[in-house]
């Protein structure tokens, strides 16, 4: 059973990612992916990244070597969330 706040985070992250796709403003999509990843929903973040990569297609120009940039951004945010929580639990266990 999901709590009400978890439902709001999932809905808001999906709405930000979809809004960034509908209005061609990719930083909004990355913000939605980062919200999902930093809230601990890594499956949703990677799934949104994959969906956006399929929707946008392969990047062109200087960034053509990044075949899946949104998925890589999702994985980077997930790793950042993991390392940040590991650091906080190791150094400040009484505040969490």
Protein backbone atom coordinates (compact mmCIF):
# COMPACT_ATOMS: atom_id res chain seq x y z
CA UNK A 1 0.00 0.00 0.00
CA UNK A 2 1.44 3.32 -1.04
CA UNK A 3 1.13 6.34 1.17
CA UNK A 4 -0.44 9.54 -0.03
CA UNK A 5 2.92 11.31 -0.26
CA UNK A 6 4.36 8.48 -2.39
CA UNK A 7 1.47 8.82 -4.81
CA UNK A 8 2.06 12.56 -5.07
CA UNK A 9 5.77 12.09 -5.74
CA UNK A 10 5.09 9.51 -8.45
CA UNK A 11 2.42 11.67 -10.08
CA UNK A 12 4.52 14.83 -9.91
CA UNK A 13 7.63 13.18 -11.34
CA UNK A 14 5.64 11.68 -14.21
CA UNK A 15 3.89 15.02 -14.85
CA UNK A 16 7.22 16.88 -14.94
CA UNK A 17 8.74 14.33 -17.32
CA UNK A 18 5.68 14.39 -19.58
CA UNK A 19 5.51 18.18 -19.47
CA UNK A 20 9.14 18.41 -20.48
CA UNK A 21 8.36 16.20 -23.47
CA UNK A 22 5.16 17.98 -24.51
CA UNK A 23 6.74 21.42 -24.21
CA UNK A 24 10.13 20.74 -25.81
CA UNK A 25 12.11 21.65 -22.71
CA UNK A 26 14.31 18.69 -21.78
CA UNK A 27 15.55 20.06 -18.40
CA UNK A 28 12.00 19.69 -17.10
CA UNK A 29 12.10 16.03 -18.05
CA UNK A 30 15.42 15.58 -16.27
CA UNK A 31 13.92 17.28 -13.20
CA UNK A 32 11.07 14.74 -13.18
CA UNK A 33 13.55 11.87 -13.49
CA UNK A 34 15.72 13.33 -10.71
CA UNK A 35 12.70 13.72 -8.43
CA UNK A 36 11.82 10.05 -8.90
CA UNK A 37 15.42 8.94 -8.37
CA UNK A 38 16.19 11.08 -5.33
CA UNK A 39 12.94 10.06 -3.66
CA UNK A 40 14.07 6.43 -3.80
CA UNK A 41 11.92 5.22 -6.69
CA UNK A 42 14.75 4.07 -8.94
CA UNK A 43 12.61 1.76 -11.07
CA UNK A 44 10.32 4.64 -11.97
CA UNK A 45 13.30 6.88 -12.74
CA UNK A 46 14.91 4.35 -15.07
CA UNK A 47 11.56 3.57 -16.72
CA UNK A 48 10.90 7.27 -17.32
CA UNK A 49 14.41 7.63 -18.71
CA UNK A 50 13.91 4.75 -21.11
CA UNK A 51 10.52 6.05 -22.23
CA UNK A 52 11.92 9.51 -22.89
CA UNK A 53 14.89 8.08 -24.76
CA UNK A 54 12.54 6.13 -27.01
CA UNK A 55 10.31 9.17 -27.50
CA UNK A 56 13.11 11.64 -28.30
CA UNK A 57 15.15 9.23 -30.42
CA UNK A 58 18.91 9.16 -30.77
CA UNK A 59 20.71 12.41 -29.98
CA UNK A 60 22.49 14.25 -32.78
CA UNK A 61 25.44 16.59 -32.92
CA UNK A 62 28.07 16.65 -30.22
CA UNK A 63 26.11 14.34 -27.91
CA UNK A 64 25.67 11.49 -30.40
CA UNK A 65 27.93 9.26 -28.28
CA UNK A 66 25.30 9.25 -25.53
CA UNK A 67 22.79 6.83 -26.97
CA UNK A 68 20.46 6.94 -23.97
CA UNK A 69 21.03 10.29 -22.21
CA UNK A 70 17.87 10.27 -20.06
CA UNK A 71 18.55 6.75 -18.83
CA UNK A 72 22.13 7.70 -18.02
CA UNK A 73 20.85 10.75 -16.14
CA UNK A 74 18.45 8.50 -14.20
CA UNK A 75 21.24 6.09 -13.30
CA UNK A 76 23.49 8.97 -12.24
CA UNK A 77 20.74 10.34 -9.98
CA UNK A 78 20.11 6.88 -8.52
CA UNK A 79 23.82 6.45 -7.77
CA UNK A 80 23.93 9.95 -6.29
CA UNK A 81 20.99 9.12 -4.04
CA UNK A 82 22.64 5.86 -2.96
CA UNK A 83 25.99 7.45 -2.14
CA UNK A 84 24.42 10.43 -0.38
CA UNK A 85 22.25 8.27 1.87
CA UNK A 86 25.20 5.95 2.55
CA UNK A 87 27.31 8.96 3.54
CA UNK A 88 24.58 10.39 5.76
CA UNK A 89 23.92 7.08 7.51
CA UNK A 90 27.61 6.50 8.07
CA UNK A 91 28.52 9.97 9.37
CA UNK A 92 25.27 11.17 10.91
CA UNK A 93 23.33 8.11 12.10
CA UNK A 94 21.50 9.93 14.88
CA UNK A 95 19.96 12.57 12.62
CA UNK A 96 18.28 10.19 10.18
